[in-house]
Amino acid sequence: MIVLSLFTLLILKHFIIDFPAQTPYQWMNKGTYGHPGGILHAGLHGIGTFLCFALFFVTPFALIVGVLDMVVHYHVDWVKMNINKKYGWKADAHPEFWILLGLDQLAHYLTYVALIALAL
C-alpha cells in the first residue's frame, strides 16, 4: 500500500509543479543550462519529492531522493527544451512537440518508479 500511496502522491506533486505552478520564468529558461529558472523548477520538484518520501521514510533518505529527482528532472527538461529548439517544434504546428512532451512525462514517471524501487 505504501508503494501505491507514494506513487500517487508523486504523480499529484508532478502535475501541480509541472503545470499550474510552473511560471513563464521557469519554462522559458529551462533550455539554458544553469539558468536559475530551470534550477528553480527542478528544485521545486526535488522539494516535493522530498516531502512525499518523508511521509514514509527517514529524513536523510528522503533528502537524498529529493536531490536525485531534482538532478534528473533538470536534465530531462533541459534535453526536451533543446530538442524542441533544435527542430523548431511548436505545440500548434508539430505533432513531434506532443510526442516529445509525452516522452518527457514518461521519463519523469519512470524516475519515480526508480526512486521507489531504490527505497524498497
PDB file of N, CA and C in Angstrom:
ATOM      1  N   MET A   1       0.817  -1.200   0.000  1.00  0.00           N
ATOM      2  CA  MET A   1       0.000   0.000   0.000  1.00  0.00           C
ATOM      3  C   MET A   1       0.861   1.265   0.000  1.00  0.00           C
ATOM      4  N   ILE A   2       2.041   1.175   0.617  1.00  0.00           N
ATOM      5  CA  ILE A   2       2.936   2.329   0.649  1.00  0.00           C
ATOM      6  C   ILE A   2       3.346   2.707  -0.772  1.00  0.00           C
ATOM      7  N   VAL A   3       3.655   1.716  -1.602  1.00  0.00           N
ATOM      8  CA  VAL A   3       4.109   1.984  -2.965  1.00  0.00           C
ATOM      9  C   VAL A   3       3.026   2.730  -3.750  1.00  0.00           C
ATOM     10  N   LEU A   4       1.807   2.251  -3.680  1.00  0.00           N
ATOM     11  CA  LEU A   4       0.708   2.882  -4.398  1.00  0.00           C
ATOM     12  C   LEU A   4       0.457   4.301  -3.883  1.00  0.00           C
ATOM     13  N   SER A   5       0.469   4.470  -2.574  1.00  0.00           N
ATOM     14  CA  SER A   5       0.261   5.798  -1.982  1.00  0.00           C
ATOM     15  C   SER A   5       1.370   6.759  -2.385  1.00  0.00           C
ATOM     16  N   LEU A   6       2.606   6.309  -2.314  1.00  0.00           N
ATOM     17  CA  LEU A   6       3.745   7.155  -2.652  1.00  0.00           C
ATOM     18  C   LEU A   6       3.729   7.529  -4.134  1.00  0.00           C
ATOM     19  N   PHE A   7       3.475   6.559  -4.994  1.00  0.00           N
ATOM     20  CA  PHE A   7       3.438   6.849  -6.426  1.00  0.00           C
ATOM     21  C   PHE A   7       2.320   7.836  -6.756  1.00  0.00           C
ATOM     22  N   THR A   8       1.165   7.662  -6.125  1.00  0.00           N
ATOM     23  CA  THR A   8       0.045   8.591  -6.326  1.00  0.00           C
ATOM     24  C   THR A   8       0.417   9.997  -5.891  1.00  0.00           C
ATOM     25  N   LEU A   9       1.053  10.126  -4.738  1.00  0.00           N
ATOM     26  CA  LEU A   9       1.487  11.450  -4.267  1.00  0.00           C
ATOM     27  C   LEU A   9       2.498  12.081  -5.220  1.00  0.00           C
ATOM     28  N   LEU A  10       3.422  11.286  -5.719  1.00  0.00           N
ATOM     29  CA  LEU A  10       4.428  11.799  -6.648  1.00  0.00           C
ATOM     30  C   LEU A  10       3.795  12.276  -7.960  1.00  0.00           C
ATOM     31  N   ILE A  11       2.806  11.545  -8.448  1.00  0.00           N
ATOM     32  CA  ILE A  11       2.121  11.961  -9.674  1.00  0.00           C
ATOM     33  C   ILE A  11       1.363  13.265  -9.443  1.00  0.00           C
ATOM     34  N   LEU A  12       0.678  13.377  -8.312  1.00  0.00           N
ATOM     35  CA  LEU A  12      -0.043  14.617  -7.993  1.00  0.00           C
ATOM     36  C   LEU A  12       0.927  15.787  -7.847  1.00  0.00           C
ATOM     37  N   LYS A  13       2.021  15.563  -7.148  1.00  0.00           N
ATOM     38  CA  LYS A  13       3.063  16.581  -6.996  1.00  0.00           C
ATOM     39  C   LYS A  13       3.579  17.001  -8.353  1.00  0.00           C
ATOM     40  N   HIS A  14       3.809  16.022  -9.200  1.00  0.00           N
ATOM     41  CA  HIS A  14       4.358  16.298 -10.525  1.00  0.00           C
ATOM     42  C   HIS A  14       3.414  17.184 -11.338  1.00  0.00           C
ATOM     43  N   PHE A  15       2.156  16.838 -11.344  1.00  0.00           N
ATOM     44  CA  PHE A  15       1.180  17.643 -12.090  1.00  0.00           C
ATOM     45  C   PHE A  15       1.153  19.084 -11.585  1.00  0.00           C
ATOM     46  N   ILE A  16       1.080  19.247 -10.281  1.00  0.00           N
ATOM     47  CA  ILE A  16       0.983  20.591  -9.703  1.00  0.00           C
ATOM     48  C   ILE A  16       2.202  21.438 -10.056  1.00  0.00           C
ATOM     49  N   ILE A  17       3.386  20.880  -9.896  1.00  0.00           N
ATOM     50  CA  ILE A  17       4.607  21.667 -10.124  1.00  0.00           C
ATOM     51  C   ILE A  17       4.895  21.837 -11.623  1.00  0.00           C
ATOM     52  N   ASP A  18       4.568  20.847 -12.438  1.00  0.00           N
ATOM     53  CA  ASP A  18       4.873  20.941 -13.867  1.00  0.00           C
ATOM     54  C   ASP A  18       3.863  21.767 -14.641  1.00  0.00           C
ATOM     55  N   PHE A  19       2.643  21.905 -14.130  1.00  0.00           N
ATOM     56  CA  PHE A  19       1.628  22.597 -14.915  1.00  0.00           C
ATOM     57  C   PHE A  19       1.091  23.843 -14.208  1.00  0.00           C
ATOM     58  N   PRO A  20       0.164  23.764 -13.260  1.00  0.00           N
ATOM     59  CA  PRO A  20      -0.382  25.028 -12.725  1.00  0.00           C
ATOM     60  C   PRO A  20       0.628  25.909 -11.994  1.00  0.00           C
ATOM     61  N   ALA A  21       1.622  25.338 -11.347  1.00  0.00           N
ATOM     62  CA  ALA A  21       2.566  26.146 -10.558  1.00  0.00           C
ATOM     63  C   ALA A  21       3.789  26.609 -11.349  1.00  0.00           C
ATOM     64  N   GLN A  22       3.946  26.107 -12.571  1.00  0.00           N
ATOM     65  CA  GLN A  22       5.132  26.485 -13.353  1.00  0.00           C
ATOM     66  C   GLN A  22       4.905  27.846 -14.019  1.00  0.00           C
ATOM     67  N   THR A  23       5.793  28.761 -13.735  1.00  0.00           N
ATOM     68  CA  THR A  23       5.680  30.122 -14.260  1.00  0.00           C
ATOM     69  C   THR A  23       6.434  30.253 -15.585  1.00  0.00           C
ATOM     70  N   PRO A  24       6.128  31.296 -16.364  1.00  0.00           N
ATOM     71  CA  PRO A  24       6.889  31.517 -17.595  1.00  0.00           C
ATOM     72  C   PRO A  24       8.391  31.654 -17.333  1.00  0.00           C
ATOM     73  N   TYR A  25       8.763  32.243 -16.215  1.00  0.00           N
ATOM     74  CA  TYR A  25      10.186  32.369 -15.876  1.00  0.00           C
ATOM     75  C   TYR A  25      10.855  30.997 -15.829  1.00  0.00           C
ATOM     76  N   GLN A  26      10.130  30.011 -15.345  1.00  0.00           N
ATOM     77  CA  GLN A  26      10.682  28.663 -15.286  1.00  0.00           C
ATOM     78  C   GLN A  26      10.713  28.025 -16.668  1.00  0.00           C
ATOM     79  N   TRP A  27       9.558  27.920 -17.335  1.00  0.00           N
ATOM     80  CA  TRP A  27       9.541  27.171 -18.602  1.00  0.00           C
ATOM     81  C   TRP A  27      10.273  27.877 -19.731  1.00  0.00           C
ATOM     82  N   MET A  28      10.381  29.179 -19.691  1.00  0.00           N
ATOM     83  CA  MET A  28      11.094  29.881 -20.754  1.00  0.00           C
ATOM     84  C   MET A  28      12.615  29.726 -20.639  1.00  0.00           C
ATOM     85  N   ASN A  29      13.087  29.324 -19.473  1.00  0.00           N
ATOM     86  CA  ASN A  29      14.527  29.286 -19.233  1.00  0.00           C
ATOM     87  C   ASN A  29      15.086  27.892 -18.962  1.00  0.00           C
ATOM     88  N   LYS A  30      14.253  26.861 -19.054  1.00  0.00           N
ATOM     89  CA  LYS A  30      14.727  25.501 -18.784  1.00  0.00           C
ATOM     90  C   LYS A  30      15.720  24.994 -19.822  1.00  0.00           C
ATOM     91  N   GLY A  31      15.737  25.620 -20.995  1.00  0.00           N
ATOM     92  CA  GLY A  31      16.644  25.182 -22.047  1.00  0.00           C
ATOM     93  C   GLY A  31      18.026  25.810 -21.981  1.00  0.00           C
ATOM     94  N   THR A  32      18.217  26.754 -21.058  1.00  0.00           N
ATOM     95  CA  THR A  32      19.529  27.381 -20.884  1.00  0.00           C
ATOM     96  C   THR A  32      20.201  26.732 -19.688  1.00  0.00           C
ATOM     97  N   TYR A  33      21.262  25.994 -19.958  1.00  0.00           N
ATOM     98  CA  TYR A  33      21.896  25.223 -18.890  1.00  0.00           C
ATOM     99  C   TYR A  33      22.401  26.137 -17.773  1.00  0.00           C
ATOM    100  N   GLY A  34      21.985  25.828 -16.551  1.00  0.00           N
ATOM    101  CA  GLY A  34      22.408  26.580 -15.380  1.00  0.00           C
ATOM    102  C   GLY A  34      21.560  27.804 -15.083  1.00  0.00           C
ATOM    103  N   HIS A  35      20.551  28.080 -15.901  1.00  0.00           N
ATOM    104  CA  HIS A  35      19.705  29.254 -15.645  1.00  0.00           C
ATOM    105  C   HIS A  35      18.897  29.041 -14.360  1.00  0.00           C
ATOM    106  N   PRO A  36      18.795  30.082 -13.529  1.00  0.00           N
ATOM    107  CA  PRO A  36      18.039  29.963 -12.274  1.00  0.00           C
ATOM    108  C   PRO A  36      16.580  29.529 -12.456  1.00  0.00           C
ATOM    109  N   GLY A  37      15.956  29.874 -13.594  1.00  0.00           N
ATOM    110  CA  GLY A  37      14.565  29.464 -13.813  1.00  0.00           C
ATOM    111  C   GLY A  37      14.417  27.954 -13.897  1.00  0.00           C
ATOM    112  N   GLY A  38      15.323  27.313 -14.614  1.00  0.00           N
ATOM    113  CA  GLY A  38      15.294  25.852 -14.709  1.00  0.00           C
ATOM    114  C   GLY A  38      15.677  25.190 -13.403  1.00  0.00           C
ATOM    115  N   ILE A  39      16.642  25.791 -12.711  1.00  0.00           N
ATOM    116  CA  ILE A  39      17.051  25.250 -11.405  1.00  0.00           C
ATOM    117  C   ILE A  39      15.913  25.383 -10.396  1.00  0.00           C
ATOM    118  N   LEU A  40      15.213  26.515 -10.422  1.00  0.00           N
ATOM    119  CA  LEU A  40      14.061  26.707  -9.538  1.00  0.00           C
ATOM    120  C   LEU A  40      13.006  25.642  -9.791  1.00  0.00           C
ATOM    121  N   HIS A  41      12.684  25.426 -11.061  1.00  0.00           N
ATOM    122  CA  HIS A  41      11.665  24.432 -11.401  1.00  0.00           C
ATOM    123  C   HIS A  41      12.060  23.039 -10.898  1.00  0.00           C
ATOM    124  N   ALA A  42      13.285  22.633 -11.195  1.00  0.00           N
ATOM    125  CA  ALA A  42      13.751  21.320 -10.749  1.00  0.00           C
ATOM    126  C   ALA A  42      13.841  21.261  -9.226  1.00  0.00           C
ATOM    127  N   GLY A  43      14.239  22.368  -8.607  1.00  0.00           N
ATOM    128  CA  GLY A  43      14.317  22.427  -7.146  1.00  0.00           C
ATOM    129  C   GLY A  43      12.959  22.239  -6.488  1.00  0.00           C
ATOM    130  N   LEU A  44      11.928  22.819  -7.084  1.00  0.00           N
ATOM    131  CA  LEU A  44      10.571  22.619  -6.547  1.00  0.00           C
ATOM    132  C   LEU A  44      10.179  21.148  -6.641  1.00  0.00           C
ATOM    133  N   HIS A  45      10.568  20.504  -7.725  1.00  0.00           N
ATOM    134  CA  HIS A  45      10.307  19.062  -7.843  1.00  0.00           C
ATOM    135  C   HIS A  45      11.072  18.290  -6.769  1.00  0.00           C
ATOM    136  N   GLY A  46      12.321  18.667  -6.559  1.00  0.00           N
ATOM    137  CA  GLY A  46      13.112  17.999  -5.526  1.00  0.00           C
ATOM    138  C   GLY A  46      12.494  18.154  -4.143  1.00  0.00           C
ATOM    139  N   ILE A  47      12.035  19.353  -3.827  1.00  0.00           N
ATOM    140  CA  ILE A  47      11.388  19.601  -2.524  1.00  0.00           C
ATOM    141  C   ILE A  47      10.107  18.782  -2.419  1.00  0.00           C
ATOM    142  N   GLY A  48       9.319  18.777  -3.481  1.00  0.00           N
ATOM    143  CA  GLY A  48       8.077  18.000  -3.464  1.00  0.00           C
ATOM    144  C   GLY A  48       8.333  16.516  -3.296  1.00  0.00           C
ATOM    145  N   THR A  49       9.335  16.000  -3.982  1.00  0.00           N
ATOM    146  CA  THR A  49       9.682  14.579  -3.857  1.00  0.00           C
ATOM    147  C   THR A  49      10.179  14.281  -2.450  1.00  0.00           C
ATOM    148  N   PHE A  50      11.000  15.166  -1.909  1.00  0.00           N
ATOM    149  CA  PHE A  50      11.452  15.011  -0.519  1.00  0.00           C
ATOM    150  C   PHE A  50      10.251  14.906   0.420  1.00  0.00           C
ATOM    151  N   LEU A  51       9.290  15.807   0.274  1.00  0.00           N
ATOM    152  CA  LEU A  51       8.120  15.802   1.163  1.00  0.00           C
ATOM    153  C   LEU A  51       7.308  14.514   1.011  1.00  0.00           C
ATOM    154  N   CYS A  52       7.148  14.045  -0.215  1.00  0.00           N
ATOM    155  CA  CYS A  52       6.409  12.794  -0.437  1.00  0.00           C
ATOM    156  C   CYS A  52       7.106  11.612   0.236  1.00  0.00           C
ATOM    157  N   PHE A  53       8.417  11.518   0.046  1.00  0.00           N
ATOM    158  CA  PHE A  53       9.160  10.399   0.633  1.00  0.00           C
ATOM    159  C   PHE A  53       9.279  10.532   2.150  1.00  0.00           C
ATOM    160  N   ALA A  54       9.324  11.761   2.659  1.00  0.00           N
ATOM    161  CA  ALA A  54       9.454  11.975   4.103  1.00  0.00           C
ATOM    162  C   ALA A  54       8.234  11.473   4.868  1.00  0.00           C
ATOM    163  N   LEU A  55       7.122  11.307   4.186  1.00  0.00           N
ATOM    164  CA  LEU A  55       5.930  10.745   4.839  1.00  0.00           C
ATOM    165  C   LEU A  55       6.102   9.263   5.163  1.00  0.00           C
ATOM    166  N   PHE A  56       7.010   8.591   4.457  1.00  0.00           N
ATOM    167  CA  PHE A  56       7.146   7.141   4.589  1.00  0.00           C
ATOM    168  C   PHE A  56       8.535   6.662   5.001  1.00  0.00           C
ATOM    169  N   PHE A  57       9.547   7.510   4.822  1.00  0.00           N
ATOM    170  CA  PHE A  57      10.928   7.088   5.070  1.00  0.00           C
ATOM    171  C   PHE A  57      11.660   8.124   5.914  1.00  0.00           C
ATOM    172  N   VAL A  58      12.801   7.751   6.450  1.00  0.00           N
ATOM    173  CA  VAL A  58      13.578   8.653   7.299  1.00  0.00           C
ATOM    174  C   VAL A  58      14.047   9.863   6.485  1.00  0.00           C
ATOM    175  N   THR A  59      14.192  10.974   7.168  1.00  0.00           N
ATOM    176  CA  THR A  59      14.512  12.249   6.522  1.00  0.00           C
ATOM    177  C   THR A  59      15.785  12.221   5.678  1.00  0.00           C
ATOM    178  N   PRO A  60      16.909  11.662   6.164  1.00  0.00           N
ATOM    179  CA  PRO A  60      18.115  11.678   5.306  1.00  0.00           C
ATOM    180  C   PRO A  60      17.898  10.971   3.973  1.00  0.00           C
ATOM    181  N   PHE A  61      17.196   9.842   3.995  1.00  0.00           N
ATOM    182  CA  PHE A  61      16.921   9.131   2.745  1.00  0.00           C
ATOM    183  C   PHE A  61      16.004   9.964   1.847  1.00  0.00           C
ATOM    184  N   ALA A  62      14.982  10.559   2.429  1.00  0.00           N
ATOM    185  CA  ALA A  62      14.056  11.390   1.662  1.00  0.00           C
ATOM    186  C   ALA A  62      14.788  12.567   1.019  1.00  0.00           C
ATOM    187  N   LEU A  63      15.752  13.122   1.729  1.00  0.00           N
ATOM    188  CA  LEU A  63      16.539  14.236   1.192  1.00  0.00           C
ATOM    189  C   LEU A  63      17.380  13.788  -0.001  1.00  0.00           C
ATOM    190  N   ILE A  64      18.010  12.638   0.107  1.00  0.00           N
ATOM    191  CA  ILE A  64      18.815  12.100  -0.997  1.00  0.00           C
ATOM    192  C   ILE A  64      17.940  11.866  -2.228  1.00  0.00           C
ATOM    193  N   VAL A  65      16.773  11.282  -2.015  1.00  0.00           N
ATOM    194  CA  VAL A  65      15.865  11.003  -3.125  1.00  0.00           C
ATOM    195  C   VAL A  65      15.374  12.311  -3.757  1.00  0.00           C
ATOM    196  N   GLY A  66      15.107  13.317  -2.921  1.00  0.00           N
ATOM    197  CA  GLY A  66      14.693  14.617  -3.442  1.00  0.00           C
ATOM    198  C   GLY A  66      15.766  15.250  -4.310  1.00  0.00           C
ATOM    199  N   VAL A  67      17.004  15.167  -3.875  1.00  0.00           N
ATOM    200  CA  VAL A  67      18.118  15.721  -4.661  1.00  0.00           C
ATOM    201  C   VAL A  67      18.286  14.940  -5.966  1.00  0.00           C
ATOM    202  N   LEU A  68      18.190  13.623  -5.903  1.00  0.00           N
ATOM    203  CA  LEU A  68      18.286  12.814  -7.126  1.00  0.00           C
ATOM    204  C   LEU A  68      17.196  13.208  -8.118  1.00  0.00           C
ATOM    205  N   ASP A  69      15.977  13.369  -7.630  1.00  0.00           N
ATOM    206  CA  ASP A  69      14.881  13.752  -8.513  1.00  0.00           C
ATOM    207  C   ASP A  69      15.132  15.126  -9.120  1.00  0.00           C
ATOM    208  N   MET A  70      15.637  16.055  -8.323  1.00  0.00           N
ATOM    209  CA  MET A  70      15.928  17.394  -8.833  1.00  0.00           C
ATOM    210  C   MET A  70      16.920  17.327  -9.995  1.00  0.00           C
ATOM    211  N   VAL A  71      17.989  16.582  -9.803  1.00  0.00           N
ATOM    212  CA  VAL A  71      19.042  16.489 -10.829  1.00  0.00           C
ATOM    213  C   VAL A  71      18.502  15.825 -12.102  1.00  0.00           C
ATOM    214  N   VAL A  72      17.775  14.730 -11.945  1.00  0.00           N
ATOM    215  CA  VAL A  72      17.232  14.040 -13.117  1.00  0.00           C
ATOM    216  C   VAL A  72      16.187  14.919 -13.805  1.00  0.00           C
ATOM    217  N   HIS A  73      15.299  15.515 -13.028  1.00  0.00           N
ATOM    218  CA  HIS A  73      14.246  16.344 -13.611  1.00  0.00           C
ATOM    219  C   HIS A  73      14.847  17.499 -14.404  1.00  0.00           C
ATOM    220  N   TYR A  74      15.845  18.138 -13.832  1.00  0.00           N
ATOM    221  CA  TYR A  74      16.500  19.261 -14.505  1.00  0.00           C
ATOM    222  C   TYR A  74      17.017  18.849 -15.889  1.00  0.00           C
ATOM    223  N   HIS A  75      17.703  17.719 -15.946  1.00  0.00           N
ATOM    224  CA  HIS A  75      18.326  17.290 -17.194  1.00  0.00           C
ATOM    225  C   HIS A  75      17.318  16.774 -18.220  1.00  0.00           C
ATOM    226  N   VAL A  76      16.282  16.090 -17.762  1.00  0.00           N
ATOM    227  CA  VAL A  76      15.233  15.645 -18.686  1.00  0.00           C
ATOM    228  C   VAL A  76      14.581  16.865 -19.336  1.00  0.00           C
ATOM    229  N   ASP A  77      14.246  17.872 -18.527  1.00  0.00           N
ATOM    230  CA  ASP A  77      13.624  19.085 -19.071  1.00  0.00           C
ATOM    231  C   ASP A  77      14.573  19.829 -20.008  1.00  0.00           C
ATOM    232  N   TRP A  78      15.837  19.915 -19.637  1.00  0.00           N
ATOM    233  CA  TRP A  78      16.818  20.617 -20.468  1.00  0.00           C
ATOM    234  C   TRP A  78      16.943  19.951 -21.834  1.00  0.00           C
ATOM    235  N   VAL A  79      17.008  18.622 -21.847  1.00  0.00           N
ATOM    236  CA  VAL A  79      17.097  17.889 -23.115  1.00  0.00           C
ATOM    237  C   VAL A  79      15.846  18.141 -23.954  1.00  0.00           C
ATOM    238  N   LYS A  80      14.667  18.035 -23.340  1.00  0.00           N
ATOM    239  CA  LYS A  80      13.415  18.257 -24.072  1.00  0.00           C
ATOM    240  C   LYS A  80      13.385  19.646 -24.690  1.00  0.00           C
ATOM    241  N   MET A  81      13.707  20.651 -23.923  1.00  0.00           N
ATOM    242  CA  MET A  81      13.671  22.022 -24.417  1.00  0.00           C
ATOM    243  C   MET A  81      14.649  22.221 -25.577  1.00  0.00           C
ATOM    244  N   ASN A  82      15.802  21.610 -25.496  1.00  0.00           N
ATOM    245  CA  ASN A  82      16.808  21.794 -26.548  1.00  0.00           C
ATOM    246  C   ASN A  82      16.480  21.014 -27.812  1.00  0.00           C
ATOM    247  N   ILE A  83      15.817  19.883 -27.677  1.00  0.00           N
ATOM    248  CA  ILE A  83      15.365  19.165 -28.874  1.00  0.00           C
ATOM    249  C   ILE A  83      14.287  19.986 -29.572  1.00  0.00           C
ATOM    250  N   ASN A  84      13.321  20.495 -28.804  1.00  0.00           N
ATOM    251  CA  ASN A  84      12.283  21.349 -29.400  1.00  0.00           C
ATOM    252  C   ASN A  84      12.896  22.557 -30.100  1.00  0.00           C
ATOM    253  N   LYS A  85      13.877  23.167 -29.467  1.00  0.00           N
ATOM    254  CA  LYS A  85      14.521  24.351 -30.044  1.00  0.00           C
ATOM    255  C   LYS A  85      15.286  23.994 -31.318  1.00  0.00           C
ATOM    256  N   LYS A  86      16.023  22.898 -31.274  1.00  0.00           N
ATOM    257  CA  LYS A  86      16.834  22.492 -32.432  1.00  0.00           C
ATOM    258  C   LYS A  86      15.972  22.268 -33.671  1.00  0.00           C
ATOM    259  N   TYR A  87      14.823  21.628 -33.489  1.00  0.00           N
ATOM    260  CA  TYR A  87      13.977  21.291 -34.621  1.00  0.00           C
ATOM    261  C   TYR A  87      12.843  22.296 -34.853  1.00  0.00           C
ATOM    262  N   GLY A  88      12.719  23.279 -33.964  1.00  0.00           N
ATOM    263  CA  GLY A  88      11.681  24.288 -34.121  1.00  0.00           C
ATOM    264  C   GLY A  88      10.273  23.759 -33.919  1.00  0.00           C
ATOM    265  N   TRP A  89      10.136  22.706 -33.117  1.00  0.00           N
ATOM    266  CA  TRP A  89       8.817  22.117 -32.878  1.00  0.00           C
ATOM    267  C   TRP A  89       7.992  23.018 -31.977  1.00  0.00           C
ATOM    268  N   LYS A  90       6.764  23.300 -32.401  1.00  0.00           N
ATOM    269  CA  LYS A  90       5.828  24.143 -31.655  1.00  0.00           C
ATOM    270  C   LYS A  90       4.530  23.370 -31.418  1.00  0.00           C
ATOM    271  N   ALA A  91       3.869  23.686 -30.318  1.00  0.00           N
ATOM    272  CA  ALA A  91       2.653  22.975 -29.923  1.00  0.00           C
ATOM    273  C   ALA A  91       1.547  23.080 -30.965  1.00  0.00           C
ATOM    274  N   ASP A  92       1.468  24.202 -31.655  1.00  0.00           N
ATOM    275  CA  ASP A  92       0.362  24.418 -32.593  1.00  0.00           C
ATOM    276  C   ASP A  92       0.660  23.977 -34.024  1.00  0.00           C
ATOM    277  N   ALA A  93       1.845  23.420 -34.263  1.00  0.00           N
ATOM    278  CA  ALA A  93       2.194  23.104 -35.647  1.00  0.00           C
ATOM    279  C   ALA A  93       2.904  21.766 -35.857  1.00  0.00           C
ATOM    280  N   HIS A  94       3.391  21.142 -34.808  1.00  0.00           N
ATOM    281  CA  HIS A  94       4.209  19.944 -34.978  1.00  0.00           C
ATOM    282  C   HIS A  94       3.766  18.831 -34.021  1.00  0.00           C
ATOM    283  N   PRO A  95       3.326  17.702 -34.555  1.00  0.00           N
ATOM    284  CA  PRO A  95       2.960  16.591 -33.677  1.00  0.00           C
ATOM    285  C   PRO A  95       4.149  16.083 -32.864  1.00  0.00           C
ATOM    286  N   GLU A  96       5.360  16.291 -33.389  1.00  0.00           N
ATOM    287  CA  GLU A  96       6.555  15.863 -32.667  1.00  0.00           C
ATOM    288  C   GLU A  96       6.676  16.561 -31.311  1.00  0.00           C
ATOM    289  N   PHE A  97       6.186  17.793 -31.225  1.00  0.00           N
ATOM    290  CA  PHE A  97       6.184  18.523 -29.955  1.00  0.00           C
ATOM    291  C   PHE A  97       5.454  17.703 -28.888  1.00  0.00           C
ATOM    292  N   TRP A  98       4.291  17.178 -29.255  1.00  0.00           N
ATOM    293  CA  TRP A  98       3.458  16.441 -28.295  1.00  0.00           C
ATOM    294  C   TRP A  98       4.053  15.081 -27.962  1.00  0.00           C
ATOM    295  N   ILE A  99       4.678  14.448 -28.946  1.00  0.00           N
ATOM    296  CA  ILE A  99       5.339  13.172 -28.676  1.00  0.00           C
ATOM    297  C   ILE A  99       6.491  13.389 -27.698  1.00  0.00           C
ATOM    298  N   LEU A 100       7.267  14.455 -27.927  1.00  0.00           N
ATOM    299  CA  LEU A 100       8.382  14.755 -27.028  1.00  0.00           C
ATOM    300  C   LEU A 100       7.888  15.119 -25.637  1.00  0.00           C
ATOM    301  N   LEU A 101       6.794  15.848 -25.551  1.00  0.00           N
ATOM    302  CA  LEU A 101       6.214  16.157 -24.236  1.00  0.00           C
ATOM    303  C   LEU A 101       5.808  14.867 -23.521  1.00  0.00           C
ATOM    304  N   GLY A 102       5.217  13.944 -24.265  1.00  0.00           N
ATOM    305  CA  GLY A 102       4.844  12.657 -23.683  1.00  0.00           C
ATOM    306  C   GLY A 102       6.050  11.871 -23.208  1.00  0.00           C
ATOM    307  N   LEU A 103       7.127  11.884 -23.993  1.00  0.00           N
ATOM    308  CA  LEU A 103       8.360  11.202 -23.578  1.00  0.00           C
ATOM    309  C   LEU A 103       8.951  11.842 -22.331  1.00  0.00           C
ATOM    310  N   ASP A 104       8.889  13.166 -22.262  1.00  0.00           N
ATOM    311  CA  ASP A 104       9.356  13.901 -21.092  1.00  0.00           C
ATOM    312  C   ASP A 104       8.582  13.453 -19.843  1.00  0.00           C
ATOM    313  N   GLN A 105       7.274  13.403 -19.958  1.00  0.00           N
ATOM    314  CA  GLN A 105       6.459  12.994 -18.814  1.00  0.00           C
ATOM    315  C   GLN A 105       6.732  11.535 -18.449  1.00  0.00           C
ATOM    316  N   LEU A 106       6.867  10.679 -19.450  1.00  0.00           N
ATOM    317  CA  LEU A 106       7.193   9.275 -19.196  1.00  0.00           C
ATOM    318  C   LEU A 106       8.517   9.152 -18.456  1.00  0.00           C
ATOM    319  N   ALA A 107       9.517   9.910 -18.872  1.00  0.00           N
ATOM    320  CA  ALA A 107      10.824   9.865 -18.198  1.00  0.00           C
ATOM    321  C   ALA A 107      10.696  10.276 -16.734  1.00  0.00           C
ATOM    322  N   HIS A 108       9.881  11.279 -16.465  1.00  0.00           N
ATOM    323  CA  HIS A 108       9.689  11.701 -15.071  1.00  0.00           C
ATOM    324  C   HIS A 108       8.991  10.607 -14.255  1.00  0.00           C
ATOM    325  N   TYR A 109       7.967  10.004 -14.828  1.00  0.00           N
ATOM    326  CA  TYR A 109       7.252   8.950 -14.094  1.00  0.00           C
ATOM    327  C   TYR A 109       8.133   7.725 -13.874  1.00  0.00           C
ATOM    328  N   LEU A 110       8.951   7.385 -14.865  1.00  0.00           N
ATOM    329  CA  LEU A 110       9.874   6.259 -14.681  1.00  0.00           C
ATOM    330  C   LEU A 110      10.946   6.588 -13.647  1.00  0.00           C
ATOM    331  N   THR A 111      11.282   7.866 -13.525  1.00  0.00           N
ATOM    332  CA  THR A 111      12.195   8.277 -12.451  1.00  0.00           C
ATOM    333  C   THR A 111      11.563   7.967 -11.103  1.00  0.00           C
ATOM    334  N   TYR A 112      10.269   8.238 -10.956  1.00  0.00           N
ATOM    335  CA  TYR A 112       9.586   7.941  -9.690  1.00  0.00           C
ATOM    336  C   TYR A 112       9.573   6.444  -9.427  1.00  0.00           C
ATOM    337  N   VAL A 113       9.366   5.641 -10.448  1.00  0.00           N
ATOM    338  CA  VAL A 113       9.413   4.187 -10.288  1.00  0.00           C
ATOM    339  C   VAL A 113      10.800   3.772  -9.778  1.00  0.00           C
ATOM    340  N   ALA A 114      11.845   4.331 -10.378  1.00  0.00           N
ATOM    341  CA  ALA A 114      13.206   4.002  -9.960  1.00  0.00           C
ATOM    342  C   ALA A 114      13.489   4.457  -8.523  1.00  0.00           C
ATOM    343  N   LEU A 115      13.015   5.637  -8.163  1.00  0.00           N
ATOM    344  CA  LEU A 115      13.245   6.130  -6.793  1.00  0.00           C
ATOM    345  C   LEU A 115      12.505   5.287  -5.767  1.00  0.00           C
ATOM    346  N   ILE A 116      11.297   4.864  -6.107  1.00  0.00           N
ATOM    347  CA  ILE A 116      10.544   3.978  -5.198  1.00  0.00           C
ATOM    348  C   ILE A 116      11.251   2.631  -5.099  1.00  0.00           C
ATOM    349  N   ALA A 117      11.743   2.112  -6.210  1.00  0.00           N
ATOM    350  CA  ALA A 117      12.496   0.845  -6.179  1.00  0.00           C
ATOM    351  C   ALA A 117      13.738   0.986  -5.299  1.00  0.00           C
ATOM    352  N   LEU A 118      14.408   2.127  -5.393  1.00  0.00           N
ATOM    353  CA  LEU A 118      15.573   2.389  -4.559  1.00  0.00           C
ATOM    354  C   LEU A 118      15.197   2.372  -3.073  1.00  0.00           C
ATOM    355  N   ALA A 119      14.017   2.886  -2.769  1.00  0.00           N
ATOM    356  CA  ALA A 119      13.546   2.941  -1.381  1.00  0.00           C
ATOM    357  C   ALA A 119      13.219   1.568  -0.830  1.00  0.00           C
ATOM    358  N   LEU A 120      12.841   0.668  -1.698  1.00  0.00           N
ATOM    359  CA  LEU A 120      12.443  -0.670  -1.233  1.00  0.00           C
ATOM    360  C   LEU A 120      13.643  -1.571  -1.226  1.00  0.00           C
TER     361      LEU A 120
END
